[in-house]
Amino acid sequence: MTLGRFGRAVDATRWVRVLETYRGPSWVAPEVVVVQSHLPRERGHRPRHEVLARCPLGG
């Protein structure tokens, strides 16, 4: 699970502390999707995301 990505190495402690107390709305996930990110090597290109697997959850 990617929660965030920085373009360079940073101390993310402040961000972790902010998210530590976050309580978002409840939701139910019907499945888990495994996705591989293909990040561009050149500036100006967009990343591509490839679904590798889908795993249904629940009954």
N, C-alpha and C. Protein backbone atom coordinates (compact mmCIF):
# COMPACT_ATOMS: atom_id res chain seq x y z
N MET A 1 0.84 -1.15 0.00
CA MET A 1 0.00 0.00 0.00
C MET A 1 0.90 1.23 0.00
N THR A 2 0.72 2.05 -0.99
CA THR A 2 1.46 3.30 -1.04
C THR A 2 0.60 4.39 -0.43
N LEU A 3 1.07 5.00 0.62
CA LEU A 3 0.35 6.11 1.24
C LEU A 3 0.88 7.44 0.76
N GLY A 4 2.12 7.44 0.35
CA GLY A 4 2.72 8.66 -0.14
C GLY A 4 4.08 8.37 -0.72
N ARG A 5 4.53 9.27 -1.55
CA ARG A 5 5.84 9.09 -2.17
C ARG A 5 6.50 10.45 -2.27
N PHE A 6 7.76 10.51 -1.89
CA PHE A 6 8.52 11.74 -1.98
C PHE A 6 9.54 11.60 -3.11
N GLY A 7 9.85 12.69 -3.75
CA GLY A 7 10.80 12.68 -4.86
C GLY A 7 12.25 12.52 -4.41
N ARG A 8 12.49 12.69 -3.12
CA ARG A 8 13.84 12.55 -2.57
C ARG A 8 13.71 12.04 -1.15
N ALA A 9 14.82 11.64 -0.56
CA ALA A 9 14.80 11.13 0.81
C ALA A 9 14.43 12.26 1.77
N VAL A 10 13.46 12.02 2.62
CA VAL A 10 13.03 13.00 3.62
C VAL A 10 12.71 12.28 4.93
N ASP A 11 12.70 13.03 6.00
CA ASP A 11 12.26 12.51 7.28
C ASP A 11 10.74 12.65 7.32
N ALA A 12 10.02 11.54 7.23
CA ALA A 12 8.57 11.56 7.15
C ALA A 12 7.89 11.50 8.52
N THR A 13 8.65 11.64 9.58
CA THR A 13 8.10 11.54 10.93
C THR A 13 6.92 12.48 11.14
N ARG A 14 7.03 13.71 10.68
CA ARG A 14 5.95 14.68 10.85
C ARG A 14 4.67 14.19 10.18
N TRP A 15 4.78 13.64 8.99
CA TRP A 15 3.61 13.16 8.26
C TRP A 15 2.99 11.95 8.95
N VAL A 16 3.83 11.07 9.48
CA VAL A 16 3.32 9.90 10.20
C VAL A 16 2.54 10.36 11.42
N ARG A 17 3.04 11.34 12.14
CA ARG A 17 2.34 11.85 13.33
C ARG A 17 1.00 12.47 12.96
N VAL A 18 0.94 13.17 11.85
CA VAL A 18 -0.33 13.77 11.41
C VAL A 18 -1.35 12.68 11.10
N LEU A 19 -0.92 11.64 10.40
CA LEU A 19 -1.83 10.55 10.02
C LEU A 19 -2.18 9.63 11.17
N GLU A 20 -1.36 9.62 12.22
CA GLU A 20 -1.55 8.73 13.36
C GLU A 20 -2.92 8.90 14.01
N THR A 21 -3.43 10.10 14.05
CA THR A 21 -4.71 10.38 14.71
C THR A 21 -5.87 10.47 13.72
N TYR A 22 -5.61 10.29 12.45
CA TYR A 22 -6.68 10.41 11.44
C TYR A 22 -7.66 9.26 11.57
N ARG A 23 -8.91 9.57 11.59
CA ARG A 23 -9.98 8.57 11.60
C ARG A 23 -10.92 8.90 10.45
N GLY A 24 -10.76 8.20 9.35
CA GLY A 24 -11.59 8.45 8.18
C GLY A 24 -12.90 7.68 8.27
N PRO A 25 -13.71 7.81 7.25
CA PRO A 25 -14.99 7.09 7.25
C PRO A 25 -14.77 5.59 7.12
N SER A 26 -15.69 4.82 7.68
CA SER A 26 -15.64 3.36 7.55
C SER A 26 -16.00 2.96 6.13
N TRP A 27 -15.39 1.89 5.65
CA TRP A 27 -15.72 1.36 4.34
C TRP A 27 -15.37 -0.12 4.29
N VAL A 28 -15.95 -0.82 3.36
CA VAL A 28 -15.71 -2.25 3.19
C VAL A 28 -15.04 -2.46 1.84
N ALA A 29 -13.93 -3.16 1.85
CA ALA A 29 -13.22 -3.45 0.60
C ALA A 29 -13.69 -4.80 0.07
N PRO A 30 -14.22 -4.85 -1.15
CA PRO A 30 -14.67 -6.12 -1.71
C PRO A 30 -13.52 -6.99 -2.23
N GLU A 31 -12.36 -6.38 -2.46
CA GLU A 31 -11.22 -7.12 -2.98
C GLU A 31 -9.91 -6.38 -2.69
N VAL A 32 -8.82 -7.12 -2.79
CA VAL A 32 -7.48 -6.55 -2.74
C VAL A 32 -6.91 -6.70 -4.14
N VAL A 33 -6.36 -5.62 -4.67
CA VAL A 33 -5.78 -5.65 -6.01
C VAL A 33 -4.28 -5.39 -5.87
N VAL A 34 -3.48 -6.30 -6.41
CA VAL A 34 -2.03 -6.14 -6.40
C VAL A 34 -1.64 -5.44 -7.69
N VAL A 35 -1.00 -4.28 -7.54
CA VAL A 35 -0.67 -3.44 -8.70
C VAL A 35 0.82 -3.17 -8.72
N GLN A 36 1.42 -3.32 -9.89
CA GLN A 36 2.83 -2.98 -10.06
C GLN A 36 2.91 -1.63 -10.75
N SER A 37 3.70 -0.73 -10.16
CA SER A 37 3.89 0.59 -10.75
C SER A 37 5.14 0.60 -11.61
N HIS A 38 5.01 1.12 -12.82
CA HIS A 38 6.14 1.29 -13.73
C HIS A 38 6.38 2.79 -13.82
N LEU A 39 7.38 3.27 -13.08
CA LEU A 39 7.64 4.71 -13.05
C LEU A 39 8.46 5.12 -14.26
N PRO A 40 8.17 6.28 -14.80
CA PRO A 40 8.89 6.73 -16.01
C PRO A 40 10.34 7.06 -15.70
N ARG A 41 11.18 6.81 -16.68
CA ARG A 41 12.60 7.14 -16.56
C ARG A 41 12.88 8.55 -17.04
N GLU A 42 11.98 9.08 -17.84
CA GLU A 42 12.17 10.42 -18.40
C GLU A 42 11.12 11.37 -17.87
N ARG A 43 11.53 12.58 -17.66
CA ARG A 43 10.62 13.62 -17.20
C ARG A 43 9.53 13.87 -18.24
N GLY A 44 8.33 14.13 -17.76
CA GLY A 44 7.23 14.43 -18.68
C GLY A 44 6.39 13.22 -19.05
N HIS A 45 6.84 12.03 -18.70
CA HIS A 45 6.07 10.82 -18.97
C HIS A 45 5.29 10.43 -17.72
N ARG A 46 4.18 9.75 -17.91
CA ARG A 46 3.33 9.36 -16.80
C ARG A 46 3.64 7.93 -16.36
N PRO A 47 3.43 7.62 -15.08
CA PRO A 47 3.62 6.24 -14.63
C PRO A 47 2.53 5.35 -15.22
N ARG A 48 2.85 4.08 -15.33
CA ARG A 48 1.89 3.08 -15.82
C ARG A 48 1.66 2.09 -14.69
N HIS A 49 0.41 1.67 -14.48
CA HIS A 49 0.08 0.74 -13.40
C HIS A 49 -0.53 -0.52 -14.00
N GLU A 50 0.03 -1.65 -13.60
CA GLU A 50 -0.38 -2.95 -14.15
C GLU A 50 -0.98 -3.80 -13.03
N VAL A 51 -2.20 -4.28 -13.22
CA VAL A 51 -2.85 -5.16 -12.25
C VAL A 51 -2.25 -6.55 -12.39
N LEU A 52 -1.66 -7.06 -11.31
CA LEU A 52 -1.05 -8.39 -11.31
C LEU A 52 -1.98 -9.46 -10.78
N ALA A 53 -2.83 -9.09 -9.82
CA ALA A 53 -3.75 -10.07 -9.23
C ALA A 53 -4.91 -9.36 -8.56
N ARG A 54 -6.04 -10.05 -8.53
CA ARG A 54 -7.22 -9.59 -7.80
C ARG A 54 -7.62 -10.69 -6.82
N CYS A 55 -7.80 -10.32 -5.57
CA CYS A 55 -8.13 -11.30 -4.53
C CYS A 55 -9.43 -10.86 -3.85
N PRO A 56 -10.54 -11.55 -4.13
CA PRO A 56 -11.83 -11.21 -3.51
C PRO A 56 -11.76 -11.42 -1.99
N LEU A 57 -12.49 -10.58 -1.27
CA LEU A 57 -12.58 -10.69 0.18
C LEU A 57 -14.00 -11.01 0.60
N GLY A 58 -14.16 -11.55 1.77
CA GLY A 58 -15.49 -11.78 2.32
C GLY A 58 -16.16 -13.00 1.75
N GLY A 59 -17.49 -13.05 1.97
CA GLY A 59 -18.30 -14.21 1.63
C GLY A 59 -18.50 -14.40 0.20
